[in-house]
């Protein structure tokens, strides 16, 4: 599987806060310069690179003289606003040394939850890559709230990998990779060189965040690998403190942990639906409808027993069985108020109930993904 990394043409590279800020001591300009040099080399090989970088809050904390991460949202946003200036400046200067232009992109989950904004972000990134620009992406911590935050940049890296259909996601961290147990607590823990991203045993092996500056931890990296695998992207987790880790990983060297994708990539629209961290509402289905979905059918209104939430046409909706378990999600052809009026009715009744009929299905099977 390492050979597939060597052949990959489009990569997403994610670097964590502990690396960018040298464990909170301030921006590590030497490390940033090293990543810029390595990415420039990969660009010379004909590869396209998108960089997802943490570090704005940590950099802002250092600039403001704070020694511990605050808990208040407004304080975190203020730190991000201060730190993002220095972070962008550092990257711009480092890449300019190699004749490369960078672009700063700040995202929230709302940017990828909305279908139109998702497509706009996808088009913008594609254009930047065509122009030879290195996009540098971070979560927009300056305006983020609990409702829209990704929660960690490992998740953001996976979402970006799916967004641009990258072949691999490289996560550089302050650990050497995934171990059989937390190496900080178990001296007998051994490094896992390679495994299937969808293998659920890895979640149990993952420990917590490595530093007070980091927000994720190994568990978020495992889940990011699972998410990236949905679009066929392999994930590499390795230490950013190794010598030239990007060059060595891209060359196929057995460094860190490779969690490879074994499932068939989803269509772009279904990737987008699968990547939703938040949903607009849900349909509860009767047993017959739940069974029909599992067999590849569309969701018809007659099979819906209840509608939860308030949403508009085109929203991503969860489909739940009678036990409340999500079995699918998809794009609703009707708003919540319309769905409530036609639920438990045959498709032939839609026009008489609403005065019009958009589609005979609540969710068409082409806009539906099983969970």
Protein backbone atom coordinates (compact mmCIF):
# COMPACT_ATOMS: atom_id res chain seq x y z
CA UNK A 1 0.00 0.00 0.00
CA UNK A 2 2.96 2.36 0.43
CA UNK A 3 3.42 2.21 -3.33
CA UNK A 4 0.01 3.87 -3.76
CA UNK A 5 1.27 6.81 -1.69
CA UNK A 6 4.36 7.10 -3.86
CA UNK A 7 2.13 7.36 -6.91
CA UNK A 8 -0.34 9.82 -5.38
CA UNK A 9 -0.62 13.11 -7.25
CA UNK A 10 -2.93 15.07 -4.93
CA UNK A 11 -2.20 15.24 -1.20
CA UNK A 12 -3.64 16.98 1.83
CA UNK A 13 -1.07 17.67 4.55
CA UNK A 14 -2.24 18.50 8.07
CA UNK A 15 0.15 19.82 10.72
CA UNK A 16 -0.87 20.14 14.38
CA UNK A 17 -0.61 22.98 16.85
CA UNK A 18 2.13 21.33 18.91
CA UNK A 19 4.35 21.24 15.81
CA UNK A 20 3.48 24.68 14.43
CA UNK A 21 4.07 26.39 17.78
CA UNK A 22 6.75 24.10 19.29
CA UNK A 23 4.37 23.01 22.05
CA UNK A 24 3.02 26.51 22.57
CA UNK A 25 6.33 28.37 22.75
CA UNK A 26 5.43 30.50 19.71
CA UNK A 27 5.50 29.94 15.97
CA UNK A 28 8.25 27.50 15.02
CA UNK A 29 9.59 29.33 11.97
CA UNK A 30 12.23 26.68 11.36
CA UNK A 31 9.62 23.94 11.16
CA UNK A 32 7.39 26.05 8.90
CA UNK A 33 10.35 26.71 6.61
CA UNK A 34 11.08 22.97 6.47
CA UNK A 35 7.51 22.09 5.47
CA UNK A 36 7.57 24.80 2.80
CA UNK A 37 10.81 23.39 1.40
CA UNK A 38 9.42 19.86 1.32
CA UNK A 39 6.14 20.92 -0.28
CA UNK A 40 8.06 22.89 -2.88
CA UNK A 41 10.01 19.72 -3.71
CA UNK A 42 6.81 17.72 -4.02
CA UNK A 43 5.37 20.40 -6.28
CA UNK A 44 8.42 20.02 -8.51
CA UNK A 45 7.52 16.33 -8.81
CA UNK A 46 4.15 17.33 -10.23
CA UNK A 47 2.09 16.83 -7.09
CA UNK A 48 -0.72 19.08 -5.88
CA UNK A 49 -0.62 19.92 -2.17
CA UNK A 50 -3.20 21.47 0.14
CA UNK A 51 -1.92 22.35 3.62
CA UNK A 52 -4.26 22.26 6.63
CA UNK A 53 -2.55 24.01 9.51
CA UNK A 54 -3.52 24.38 13.14
CA UNK A 55 -1.79 26.93 15.32
CA UNK A 56 -3.77 30.18 15.19
CA UNK A 57 -5.07 29.98 18.75
CA UNK A 58 -1.76 28.71 20.11
CA UNK A 59 0.14 31.48 18.28
CA UNK A 60 -2.31 34.06 19.57
CA UNK A 61 -1.92 32.79 23.13
CA UNK A 62 1.82 33.26 22.87
CA UNK A 63 1.45 36.77 21.43
CA UNK A 64 -0.97 37.71 24.20
CA UNK A 65 1.22 36.22 26.93
CA UNK A 66 -1.26 33.51 27.93
CA UNK A 67 0.25 30.32 29.36
CA UNK A 68 -2.88 28.14 29.40
CA UNK A 69 -5.64 27.67 26.86
CA UNK A 70 -8.78 29.63 27.89
CA UNK A 71 -12.20 27.96 27.95
CA UNK A 72 -14.32 30.99 27.04
CA UNK A 73 -15.35 31.12 23.40
CA UNK A 74 -14.74 34.86 23.05
CA UNK A 75 -11.21 34.52 24.45
CA UNK A 76 -10.45 31.65 22.03
CA UNK A 77 -11.78 33.71 19.15
CA UNK A 78 -9.66 36.68 20.18
CA UNK A 79 -6.56 34.50 20.37
CA UNK A 80 -7.33 33.08 16.92
CA UNK A 81 -7.73 36.55 15.45
CA UNK A 82 -4.36 37.65 16.82
CA UNK A 83 -2.57 34.42 15.96
CA UNK A 84 -3.92 34.02 12.45
CA UNK A 85 -2.09 37.17 11.35
CA UNK A 86 1.29 35.83 12.36
CA UNK A 87 0.53 32.32 11.08
CA UNK A 88 -0.40 33.52 7.59
CA UNK A 89 2.60 35.83 7.46
CA UNK A 90 4.96 33.03 8.45
CA UNK A 91 3.67 30.67 5.77
CA UNK A 92 3.63 33.36 3.09
CA UNK A 93 7.26 34.22 3.78
CA UNK A 94 8.40 30.59 3.93
CA UNK A 95 6.80 29.59 0.62
CA UNK A 96 7.93 32.80 -1.10
CA UNK A 97 11.51 31.62 -0.56
CA UNK A 98 10.70 28.86 -3.09
CA UNK A 99 8.78 31.05 -5.52
CA UNK A 100 5.40 29.70 -4.41
CA UNK A 101 2.26 31.75 -3.83
CA UNK A 102 -0.04 30.80 -0.96
CA UNK A 103 -3.73 31.38 -0.34
CA UNK A 104 -5.39 31.54 3.06
CA UNK A 105 -8.76 29.78 3.39
CA UNK A 106 -10.69 29.81 6.66
CA UNK A 107 -13.58 27.36 6.91
CA UNK A 108 -16.38 26.47 9.29
CA UNK A 109 -18.63 23.45 9.13
CA UNK A 110 -21.39 25.70 7.81
CA UNK A 111 -19.27 26.24 4.69
CA UNK A 112 -19.39 22.53 3.89
CA UNK A 113 -22.86 21.86 5.29
CA UNK A 114 -24.47 24.13 2.71
CA UNK A 115 -24.50 22.46 -0.71
CA UNK A 116 -23.85 25.67 -2.65
CA UNK A 117 -21.01 26.81 -0.39
CA UNK A 118 -19.55 23.29 -0.51
CA UNK A 119 -19.44 23.45 -4.30
CA UNK A 120 -17.99 26.96 -4.19
CA UNK A 121 -15.21 25.85 -1.84
CA UNK A 122 -14.50 22.87 -4.09
CA UNK A 123 -14.29 25.06 -7.20
CA UNK A 124 -12.07 27.62 -5.48
CA UNK A 125 -9.60 24.99 -4.30
CA UNK A 126 -9.53 23.35 -7.73
CA UNK A 127 -8.78 26.72 -9.36
CA UNK A 128 -6.04 27.55 -6.87
CA UNK A 129 -4.35 24.19 -7.54
CA UNK A 130 -4.59 24.76 -11.30
CA UNK A 131 -2.90 28.15 -10.80
CA UNK A 132 -0.03 26.52 -8.91
CA UNK A 133 -1.00 28.13 -5.60
CA UNK A 134 -0.58 26.33 -2.27
CA UNK A 135 -3.87 26.66 -0.34
CA UNK A 136 -3.41 26.89 3.43
CA UNK A 137 -6.59 26.02 5.31
CA UNK A 138 -7.54 26.46 8.94
CA UNK A 139 -10.79 26.34 10.85
CA UNK A 140 -12.19 29.84 11.17
CA UNK A 141 -11.76 29.99 14.95
CA UNK A 142 -12.36 33.75 14.95
CA UNK A 143 -16.09 33.28 14.27
CA UNK A 144 -16.62 29.62 15.14
CA UNK A 145 -19.30 28.60 17.64
CA UNK A 146 -20.12 25.27 19.26
CA UNK A 147 -22.77 24.67 16.62
CA UNK A 148 -20.52 25.00 13.57
CA UNK A 149 -17.00 24.06 14.68
CA UNK A 150 -15.24 21.05 13.21
CA UNK A 151 -13.82 20.40 16.64
CA UNK A 152 -10.32 19.61 15.41
CA UNK A 153 -8.24 20.07 12.31
CA UNK A 154 -7.82 16.31 11.83
CA UNK A 155 -11.50 16.22 10.92
CA UNK A 156 -11.04 19.32 8.78
CA UNK A 157 -8.16 17.64 6.95
CA UNK A 158 -10.32 14.62 6.16
CA UNK A 159 -13.17 16.80 4.95
CA UNK A 160 -10.81 18.69 2.68
CA UNK A 161 -9.39 15.41 1.37
CA UNK A 162 -12.91 14.36 0.43
CA UNK A 163 -13.74 17.81 -0.91
CA UNK A 164 -10.90 17.82 -3.45
CA UNK A 165 -10.81 14.03 -3.93
CA UNK A 166 -7.23 13.75 -2.68
CA UNK A 167 -5.49 10.41 -2.90
CA UNK A 168 -3.87 10.69 0.51
CA UNK A 169 -4.11 12.60 3.77
CA UNK A 170 -0.84 13.07 5.66
CA UNK A 171 -1.26 13.99 9.33
CA UNK A 172 1.93 15.22 10.97
CA UNK A 173 1.78 15.10 14.74
CA UNK A 174 4.01 15.00 17.81
CA UNK A 175 3.75 11.20 18.00
CA UNK A 176 5.41 8.64 15.73
CA UNK A 177 2.09 7.11 14.70
CA UNK A 178 -0.60 4.83 16.06
CA UNK A 179 0.46 2.42 18.78
CA UNK A 180 -1.28 -0.68 20.10
CA UNK A 181 -1.79 1.31 23.33
CA UNK A 182 -0.95 4.77 24.61
CA UNK A 183 2.89 4.71 24.69
CA UNK A 184 2.90 7.37 27.41
CA UNK A 185 1.18 4.91 29.73
CA UNK A 186 2.17 1.48 28.40
CA UNK A 187 5.89 0.89 27.71
CA UNK A 188 5.01 -2.35 25.89
CA UNK A 189 3.01 -0.51 23.23
CA UNK A 190 4.22 -1.11 19.67
CA UNK A 191 3.88 1.03 16.57
CA UNK A 192 1.35 -0.11 13.95
CA UNK A 193 2.93 0.27 10.52
CA UNK A 194 -0.09 -0.42 8.35
CA UNK A 195 -3.75 -1.29 8.66
CA UNK A 196 -7.20 -0.81 7.19
CA UNK A 197 -8.71 2.59 8.00
CA UNK A 198 -12.14 1.09 8.55
CA UNK A 199 -10.86 -1.38 11.18
CA UNK A 200 -12.74 -0.40 14.35
CA UNK A 201 -10.13 -1.90 16.72
CA UNK A 202 -7.93 1.17 16.22
CA UNK A 203 -10.36 3.45 18.03
CA UNK A 204 -9.82 1.46 21.23
CA UNK A 205 -6.05 1.81 20.88
CA UNK A 206 -6.08 5.60 20.50
CA UNK A 207 -5.13 7.80 23.46
CA UNK A 208 -6.00 11.40 24.29
CA UNK A 209 -4.41 14.69 23.25
CA UNK A 210 -0.64 14.75 23.52
CA UNK A 211 -0.29 18.29 24.89
CA UNK A 212 -2.34 21.06 26.44
CA UNK A 213 -1.99 22.96 23.19
CA UNK A 214 -3.41 20.16 21.00
CA UNK A 215 -7.17 19.87 20.72
CA UNK A 216 -7.55 16.47 19.11
CA UNK A 217 -5.45 13.45 19.98
CA UNK A 218 -4.97 10.11 18.28
CA UNK A 219 -8.67 9.25 18.39
CA UNK A 220 -9.50 12.18 16.10
CA UNK A 221 -6.82 11.02 13.68
CA UNK A 222 -8.32 7.54 13.54
CA UNK A 223 -11.75 8.98 12.86
CA UNK A 224 -10.28 11.31 10.26
CA UNK A 225 -8.76 8.29 8.51
CA UNK A 226 -12.15 6.59 8.53
CA UNK A 227 -13.75 9.70 7.07
CA UNK A 228 -11.06 10.15 4.40
CA UNK A 229 -11.42 6.50 3.40
CA UNK A 230 -14.98 7.21 2.26
CA UNK A 231 -13.59 8.92 -0.81
CA UNK A 232 -10.78 6.40 -1.26
CA UNK A 233 -8.08 8.54 0.40
CA UNK A 234 -5.38 6.76 2.40
CA UNK A 235 -4.19 8.35 5.65
CA UNK A 236 -0.63 8.53 6.96
CA UNK A 237 0.00 9.47 10.60
CA UNK A 238 3.62 10.30 11.36
CA UNK A 239 5.87 12.46 13.49
CA UNK A 240 6.47 15.93 12.13
CA UNK A 241 9.75 15.99 14.04
CA UNK A 242 11.36 13.36 11.83
CA UNK A 243 13.81 14.57 9.20
CA UNK A 244 11.94 15.49 5.99
CA UNK A 245 8.83 13.42 6.85
CA UNK A 246 6.79 14.66 3.88
CA UNK A 247 9.43 13.71 1.35
CA UNK A 248 9.99 10.31 2.93
CA UNK A 249 6.30 9.50 3.22
CA UNK A 250 5.59 10.62 -0.35
CA UNK A 251 8.47 8.43 -1.53
CA UNK A 252 6.76 5.40 0.00
CA UNK A 253 9.06 4.99 2.99
CA UNK A 254 7.66 2.91 5.84
CA UNK A 255 7.40 5.79 8.28
CA UNK A 256 4.62 6.24 10.84
CA UNK A 257 1.26 4.52 10.40
CA UNK A 258 -0.54 4.02 7.10
CA UNK A 259 -4.30 3.50 7.41
CA UNK A 260 -5.38 2.60 3.92
CA UNK A 261 -8.81 2.92 2.35
CA UNK A 262 -10.29 -0.36 1.24
CA UNK A 263 -13.84 0.72 0.39
CA UNK A 264 -15.10 1.92 -2.97
CA UNK A 265 -15.02 5.75 -3.16
CA UNK A 266 -18.40 7.41 -2.86
CA UNK A 267 -19.78 9.71 -5.50
CA UNK A 268 -18.98 13.38 -4.77
CA UNK A 269 -22.54 14.25 -3.76
CA UNK A 270 -22.69 11.27 -1.39
CA UNK A 271 -19.32 12.19 0.11
CA UNK A 272 -20.77 15.57 0.96
CA UNK A 273 -23.77 13.99 2.66
CA UNK A 274 -21.63 11.48 4.54
CA UNK A 275 -19.37 14.27 5.79
CA UNK A 276 -22.14 16.22 7.49
CA UNK A 277 -21.36 16.52 11.17
CA UNK A 278 -24.74 18.14 11.79
CA UNK A 279 -28.10 17.38 10.20
CA UNK A 280 -31.13 19.59 9.63
CA UNK A 281 -33.67 17.04 10.83
CA UNK A 282 -34.76 13.43 10.62
CA UNK A 283 -37.40 11.09 9.26
CA UNK A 284 -38.54 8.10 11.31
CA UNK A 285 -39.36 5.15 9.04
CA UNK A 286 -41.59 2.15 9.48
CA UNK A 287 -40.06 -1.32 9.18
CA UNK A 288 -41.03 -1.68 5.53
CA UNK A 289 -39.42 1.57 4.47
CA UNK A 290 -36.25 0.81 6.45
CA UNK A 291 -35.96 -2.55 4.72
CA UNK A 292 -36.59 -1.01 1.29
CA UNK A 293 -33.79 1.54 1.82
CA UNK A 294 -31.40 -1.27 2.64
CA UNK A 295 -32.29 -2.87 -0.68
CA UNK A 296 -31.49 0.28 -2.65
CA UNK A 297 -34.94 1.87 -2.92
CA UNK A 298 -35.88 5.55 -2.63
CA UNK A 299 -37.69 6.87 0.43
CA UNK A 300 -41.39 7.36 -0.25
CA UNK A 301 -43.60 9.49 2.01
CA UNK A 302 -45.86 6.56 2.87
CA UNK A 303 -43.02 4.93 4.82
CA UNK A 304 -42.38 7.96 7.06
CA UNK A 305 -44.06 7.91 10.47
CA UNK A 306 -42.73 11.21 11.83
CA UNK A 307 -40.67 14.26 10.83
CA UNK A 308 -38.35 16.01 13.29
CA UNK A 309 -36.69 19.40 12.91
CA UNK A 310 -37.32 22.45 10.74
CA UNK A 311 -35.64 22.50 7.34
CA UNK A 312 -35.98 23.58 3.74
CA UNK A 313 -35.97 21.58 0.53
CA UNK A 314 -32.48 20.25 -0.26
CA UNK A 315 -31.43 19.86 3.39
CA UNK A 316 -29.54 16.75 4.51
CA UNK A 317 -31.85 14.62 6.64
CA UNK A 318 -31.21 11.52 8.77
CA UNK A 319 -33.40 8.47 8.23
CA UNK A 320 -33.98 6.55 11.45
CA UNK A 321 -35.58 3.20 12.13
CA UNK A 322 -38.21 2.63 14.81
CA UNK A 323 -35.44 2.24 17.41
CA UNK A 324 -34.13 5.74 16.60
CA UNK A 325 -30.92 4.48 14.95
CA UNK A 326 -29.72 6.37 11.88
CA UNK A 327 -29.69 3.97 8.94
CA UNK A 328 -29.29 6.47 6.10
CA UNK A 329 -29.14 10.14 5.24
CA UNK A 330 -30.01 12.09 2.14
CA UNK A 331 -31.26 15.25 0.45
CA UNK A 332 -34.92 15.92 1.12
CA UNK A 333 -37.09 16.88 -1.85
CA UNK A 334 -39.51 18.64 0.50
CA UNK A 335 -39.36 21.05 3.44
CA UNK A 336 -40.21 19.87 6.94
CA UNK A 337 -43.72 21.38 6.83
CA UNK A 338 -44.40 19.76 3.47
CA UNK A 339 -42.98 16.43 4.62
CA UNK A 340 -45.28 16.39 7.64
CA UNK A 341 -48.30 16.93 5.41
CA UNK A 342 -47.48 14.10 3.02
CA UNK A 343 -46.05 11.59 5.54
CA UNK A 344 -47.97 8.27 5.63
CA UNK A 345 -49.52 9.10 2.26
CA UNK A 346 -48.97 7.53 -1.15
CA UNK A 347 -46.93 9.47 -3.70
CA UNK A 348 -50.05 9.80 -5.84
CA UNK A 349 -51.61 11.92 -3.05
CA UNK A 350 -48.81 14.53 -2.94
CA UNK A 351 -50.29 16.91 -5.50
CA UNK A 352 -53.73 16.90 -3.91
CA UNK A 353 -52.22 17.48 -0.45
CA UNK A 354 -49.78 20.25 -1.40
CA UNK A 355 -51.27 21.59 -4.62
CA UNK A 356 -48.12 20.56 -6.51
CA UNK A 357 -45.58 17.75 -6.62
CA UNK A 358 -41.84 18.38 -6.72
CA UNK A 359 -40.90 14.69 -6.80
CA UNK A 360 -42.74 11.44 -6.01
CA UNK A 361 -40.04 10.55 -3.43
CA UNK A 362 -39.11 12.27 -0.19
CA UNK A 363 -35.49 11.26 -0.88
CA UNK A 364 -34.40 9.78 -4.21
CA UNK A 365 -32.03 6.84 -3.98
CA UNK A 366 -29.39 8.78 -5.96
CA UNK A 367 -29.37 11.33 -3.14
CA UNK A 368 -29.29 8.73 -0.36
CA UNK A 369 -26.40 7.11 1.46
CA UNK A 370 -26.69 4.16 3.83
CA UNK A 371 -24.92 4.43 7.18
